[in-house]
Amino acid sequence: MLKRTFEGWTDQNIALLRKLVEDGASATEAGIRLGCSRSAAMGKASRLGLVFHSKGRGHPASTKIRAPKIKVPETETVSAEIVSVPVPLGIPLEALTETTCRWPLGHPTEETFGFCGNDSPINSPYCNFHHRIAYTPRNTSAHGGKSV
């Protein structure tokens, strides 16, 4: 088959495009037969309300493909409590006892590094304030209570 020189969208070319679409030709085949690009054939077909259908290589052009629905977890409401924030004492490592808070303050390489030093309950390394930060309940964690 000889390749035609495209003469524009004449009535004859539009009729041929309609026939090719009806016969199930692909946009590439229509472009070759008309002497234009695949994109030109698809654009004109679209403006005429015609739809090229693929030949077994996926979905027909008229089928809408939808993304799967993703279940978004519901947000949790957290009641606000008034918590007194202790003033950190910034005590050195040597001054820690069994009943002082061991919450680190700063970076160990800094001269001002120290520990909270406020009173901590028996069997806890931290004062009540830092204990709440270190040990968050499972349902209020950053992962919504789910294991990672």
C-alpha atoms as a PDB file:
ATOM      1  CA  MET A   1       0.000   0.000   0.000  1.00  0.00           C
ATOM      2  CA  LEU A   2       1.365   3.397  -0.950  1.00  0.00           C
ATOM      3  CA  LYS A   3       1.565   6.059   1.689  1.00  0.00           C
ATOM      4  CA  ARG A   4      -0.791   8.948   0.919  1.00  0.00           C
ATOM      5  CA  THR A   5      -0.023  12.602   1.342  1.00  0.00           C
ATOM      6  CA  PHE A   6      -2.447  14.079   3.831  1.00  0.00           C
ATOM      7  CA  GLU A   7      -4.667  16.689   2.209  1.00  0.00           C
ATOM      8  CA  GLY A   8      -6.370  17.948   5.363  1.00  0.00           C
ATOM      9  CA  TRP A   9      -9.737  16.995   6.803  1.00  0.00           C
ATOM     10  CA  THR A  10     -11.788  16.954   3.634  1.00  0.00           C
ATOM     11  CA  ASP A  11     -15.254  15.421   3.585  1.00  0.00           C
ATOM     12  CA  GLN A  12     -13.730  12.398   1.841  1.00  0.00           C
ATOM     13  CA  ASN A  13     -11.088  11.939   4.608  1.00  0.00           C
ATOM     14  CA  ILE A  14     -13.691  12.370   7.346  1.00  0.00           C
ATOM     15  CA  ALA A  15     -15.900   9.719   5.684  1.00  0.00           C
ATOM     16  CA  LEU A  16     -12.892   7.375   5.423  1.00  0.00           C
ATOM     17  CA  LEU A  17     -12.027   7.986   9.101  1.00  0.00           C
ATOM     18  CA  ARG A  18     -15.619   7.161  10.150  1.00  0.00           C
ATOM     19  CA  LYS A  19     -15.521   3.953   8.082  1.00  0.00           C
ATOM     20  CA  LEU A  20     -12.150   2.913   9.527  1.00  0.00           C
ATOM     21  CA  VAL A  21     -13.390   3.449  13.097  1.00  0.00           C
ATOM     22  CA  GLU A  22     -16.600   1.490  12.359  1.00  0.00           C
ATOM     23  CA  ASP A  23     -14.540  -1.342  10.883  1.00  0.00           C
ATOM     24  CA  GLY A  24     -12.420  -1.502  14.036  1.00  0.00           C
ATOM     25  CA  ALA A  25      -9.183  -0.104  12.653  1.00  0.00           C
ATOM     26  CA  SER A  26      -6.635   1.200  15.137  1.00  0.00           C
ATOM     27  CA  ALA A  27      -5.612   4.852  15.242  1.00  0.00           C
ATOM     28  CA  THR A  28      -2.233   3.882  13.791  1.00  0.00           C
ATOM     29  CA  GLU A  29      -3.878   2.036  10.894  1.00  0.00           C
ATOM     30  CA  ALA A  30      -6.221   4.975  10.275  1.00  0.00           C
ATOM     31  CA  GLY A  31      -3.298   7.396  10.263  1.00  0.00           C
ATOM     32  CA  ILE A  32      -1.435   5.290   7.702  1.00  0.00           C
ATOM     33  CA  ARG A  33      -4.497   4.974   5.458  1.00  0.00           C
ATOM     34  CA  LEU A  34      -5.241   8.702   5.680  1.00  0.00           C
ATOM     35  CA  GLY A  35      -1.609   9.789   5.335  1.00  0.00           C
ATOM     36  CA  CYS A  36      -1.557  11.572   8.689  1.00  0.00           C
ATOM     37  CA  SER A  37      -0.169  10.836  12.136  1.00  0.00           C
ATOM     38  CA  ARG A  38      -1.806   8.544  14.649  1.00  0.00           C
ATOM     39  CA  SER A  39      -2.373  11.563  16.917  1.00  0.00           C
ATOM     40  CA  ALA A  40      -4.092  13.525  14.137  1.00  0.00           C
ATOM     41  CA  ALA A  41      -6.437  10.597  13.473  1.00  0.00           C
ATOM     42  CA  MET A  42      -7.195  10.229  17.186  1.00  0.00           C
ATOM     43  CA  GLY A  43      -7.776  13.966  17.635  1.00  0.00           C
ATOM     44  CA  LYS A  44     -10.198  14.236  14.719  1.00  0.00           C
ATOM     45  CA  ALA A  45     -12.017  11.069  15.789  1.00  0.00           C
ATOM     46  CA  SER A  46     -12.377  12.510  19.283  1.00  0.00           C
ATOM     47  CA  ARG A  47     -13.792  15.789  17.953  1.00  0.00           C
ATOM     48  CA  LEU A  48     -16.275  13.793  15.854  1.00  0.00           C
ATOM     49  CA  GLY A  49     -17.305  11.715  18.884  1.00  0.00           C
ATOM     50  CA  LEU A  50     -15.738   8.532  17.476  1.00  0.00           C
ATOM     51  CA  VAL A  51     -13.779   6.094  19.636  1.00  0.00           C
ATOM     52  CA  PHE A  52     -10.991   3.816  18.467  1.00  0.00           C
ATOM     53  CA  HIS A  53     -11.103   0.429  20.199  1.00  0.00           C
ATOM     54  CA  SER A  54      -7.970  -1.512  21.001  1.00  0.00           C
ATOM     55  CA  LYS A  55      -7.571  -4.993  19.579  1.00  0.00           C
ATOM     56  CA  GLY A  56      -7.073  -7.210  22.603  1.00  0.00           C
ATOM     57  CA  ARG A  57      -4.159  -5.256  24.053  1.00  0.00           C
ATOM     58  CA  GLY A  58      -5.831  -3.929  27.140  1.00  0.00           C
ATOM     59  CA  HIS A  59      -9.061  -2.137  27.752  1.00  0.00           C
ATOM     60  CA  PRO A  60     -11.202  -0.459  25.119  1.00  0.00           C
ATOM     61  CA  ALA A  61     -10.579   3.269  24.921  1.00  0.00           C
ATOM     62  CA  SER A  62     -14.100   3.977  26.191  1.00  0.00           C
ATOM     63  CA  THR A  63     -13.611   1.964  29.400  1.00  0.00           C
ATOM     64  CA  LYS A  64     -12.711   4.051  32.421  1.00  0.00           C
ATOM     65  CA  ILE A  65     -10.054   2.575  34.642  1.00  0.00           C
ATOM     66  CA  ARG A  66     -10.464   3.538  38.267  1.00  0.00           C
ATOM     67  CA  ALA A  67      -7.843   3.505  40.958  1.00  0.00           C
ATOM     68  CA  PRO A  68      -8.577   1.126  43.839  1.00  0.00           C
ATOM     69  CA  LYS A  69     -10.258   2.690  46.839  1.00  0.00           C
ATOM     70  CA  ILE A  70      -8.006   3.029  49.829  1.00  0.00           C
ATOM     71  CA  LYS A  71      -9.521   2.810  53.266  1.00  0.00           C
ATOM     72  CA  VAL A  72      -8.417   5.818  55.280  1.00  0.00           C
ATOM     73  CA  PRO A  73      -8.343   5.221  59.023  1.00  0.00           C
ATOM     74  CA  GLU A  74     -10.583   7.426  61.100  1.00  0.00           C
ATOM     75  CA  THR A  75      -8.872  10.069  63.138  1.00  0.00           C
ATOM     76  CA  GLU A  76      -8.761   9.608  66.858  1.00  0.00           C
ATOM     77  CA  THR A  77      -9.837  12.258  69.292  1.00  0.00           C
ATOM     78  CA  VAL A  78      -7.578  12.768  72.249  1.00  0.00           C
ATOM     79  CA  SER A  79      -8.759  14.521  75.344  1.00  0.00           C
ATOM     80  CA  ALA A  80      -6.522  17.323  76.481  1.00  0.00           C
ATOM     81  CA  GLU A  81      -5.190  17.206  80.005  1.00  0.00           C
ATOM     82  CA  ILE A  82      -3.454  19.886  81.935  1.00  0.00           C
ATOM     83  CA  VAL A  83      -0.014  18.574  82.773  1.00  0.00           C
ATOM     84  CA  SER A  84       2.492  20.426  84.845  1.00  0.00           C
ATOM     85  CA  VAL A  85       5.864  20.541  83.148  1.00  0.00           C
ATOM     86  CA  PRO A  86       8.699  20.213  85.643  1.00  0.00           C
ATOM     87  CA  VAL A  87      11.676  22.510  85.395  1.00  0.00           C
ATOM     88  CA  PRO A  88      14.603  20.290  84.392  1.00  0.00           C
ATOM     89  CA  LEU A  89      17.469  20.491  86.836  1.00  0.00           C
ATOM     90  CA  GLY A  90      20.167  19.469  84.357  1.00  0.00           C
ATOM     91  CA  ILE A  91      22.118  17.338  86.818  1.00  0.00           C
ATOM     92  CA  PRO A  92      25.245  15.436  85.736  1.00  0.00           C
ATOM     93  CA  LEU A  93      25.421  11.655  85.411  1.00  0.00           C
ATOM     94  CA  GLU A  94      27.318  11.279  88.684  1.00  0.00           C
ATOM     95  CA  ALA A  95      24.496  12.948  90.635  1.00  0.00           C
ATOM     96  CA  LEU A  96      21.727  10.548  89.479  1.00  0.00           C
ATOM     97  CA  THR A  97      20.069   8.329  92.100  1.00  0.00           C
ATOM     98  CA  GLU A  98      17.405   5.647  91.959  1.00  0.00           C
ATOM     99  CA  THR A  99      14.684   8.257  92.476  1.00  0.00           C
ATOM    100  CA  THR A 100      15.832  10.941  90.017  1.00  0.00           C
ATOM    101  CA  CYS A 101      14.599  11.320  86.443  1.00  0.00           C
ATOM    102  CA  ARG A 102      17.126  10.088  83.890  1.00  0.00           C
ATOM    103  CA  TRP A 103      15.624  11.978  80.915  1.00  0.00           C
ATOM    104  CA  PRO A 104      18.593  13.302  78.891  1.00  0.00           C
ATOM    105  CA  LEU A 105      18.811  17.021  78.149  1.00  0.00           C
ATOM    106  CA  GLY A 106      20.929  18.146  75.188  1.00  0.00           C
ATOM    107  CA  HIS A 107      23.628  16.159  73.424  1.00  0.00           C
ATOM    108  CA  PRO A 108      26.227  14.114  75.324  1.00  0.00           C
ATOM    109  CA  THR A 109      29.106  15.911  73.594  1.00  0.00           C
ATOM    110  CA  GLU A 110      27.938  19.334  74.861  1.00  0.00           C
ATOM    111  CA  GLU A 111      29.242  20.765  78.117  1.00  0.00           C
ATOM    112  CA  THR A 112      25.696  21.651  79.199  1.00  0.00           C
ATOM    113  CA  PHE A 113      24.504  18.042  78.850  1.00  0.00           C
ATOM    114  CA  GLY A 114      22.660  16.675  81.856  1.00  0.00           C
ATOM    115  CA  PHE A 115      19.547  14.877  83.056  1.00  0.00           C
ATOM    116  CA  CYS A 116      16.127  16.097  84.202  1.00  0.00           C
ATOM    117  CA  GLY A 117      16.848  15.159  87.831  1.00  0.00           C
ATOM    118  CA  ASN A 118      13.293  15.646  89.125  1.00  0.00           C
ATOM    119  CA  ASP A 119      11.783  13.028  91.440  1.00  0.00           C
ATOM    120  CA  SER A 120      10.726   9.799  89.743  1.00  0.00           C
ATOM    121  CA  PRO A 121       8.426   7.086  91.114  1.00  0.00           C
ATOM    122  CA  ILE A 122       9.962   3.830  92.336  1.00  0.00           C
ATOM    123  CA  ASN A 123      10.635   1.388  89.455  1.00  0.00           C
ATOM    124  CA  SER A 124      10.596   4.166  86.831  1.00  0.00           C
ATOM    125  CA  PRO A 125      13.644   5.846  85.303  1.00  0.00           C
ATOM    126  CA  TYR A 126      11.649   9.011  84.522  1.00  0.00           C
ATOM    127  CA  CYS A 127       9.536  11.595  86.335  1.00  0.00           C
ATOM    128  CA  ASN A 128       5.771  11.457  85.620  1.00  0.00           C
ATOM    129  CA  PHE A 129       6.059  14.043  82.814  1.00  0.00           C
ATOM    130  CA  HIS A 130       8.868  12.291  80.926  1.00  0.00           C
ATOM    131  CA  HIS A 131       7.329   8.882  81.609  1.00  0.00           C
ATOM    132  CA  ARG A 132       4.252   9.954  79.593  1.00  0.00           C
ATOM    133  CA  ILE A 133       6.494  10.935  76.681  1.00  0.00           C
ATOM    134  CA  ALA A 134       8.624   7.784  76.776  1.00  0.00           C
ATOM    135  CA  TYR A 135       5.776   5.306  77.196  1.00  0.00           C
ATOM    136  CA  THR A 136       2.834   6.240  75.000  1.00  0.00           C
ATOM    137  CA  PRO A 137      -0.218   3.972  75.190  1.00  0.00           C
ATOM    138  CA  ARG A 138      -0.571   1.696  72.164  1.00  0.00           C
ATOM    139  CA  ASN A 139      -3.728   3.359  70.773  1.00  0.00           C
ATOM    140  CA  THR A 140      -2.199   6.875  70.721  1.00  0.00           C
ATOM    141  CA  SER A 141       1.070   6.016  69.008  1.00  0.00           C
ATOM    142  CA  ALA A 142       2.108   7.511  65.702  1.00  0.00           C
ATOM    143  CA  HIS A 143       0.936   4.344  63.906  1.00  0.00           C
ATOM    144  CA  GLY A 144      -2.640   4.460  65.172  1.00  0.00           C
ATOM    145  CA  GLY A 145      -2.161   1.480  67.482  1.00  0.00           C
ATOM    146  CA  LYS A 146      -1.088  -0.877  64.717  1.00  0.00           C
ATOM    147  CA  SER A 147       2.122  -2.847  64.653  1.00  0.00           C
ATOM    148  CA  VAL A 148       4.629  -1.757  62.048  1.00  0.00           C
END
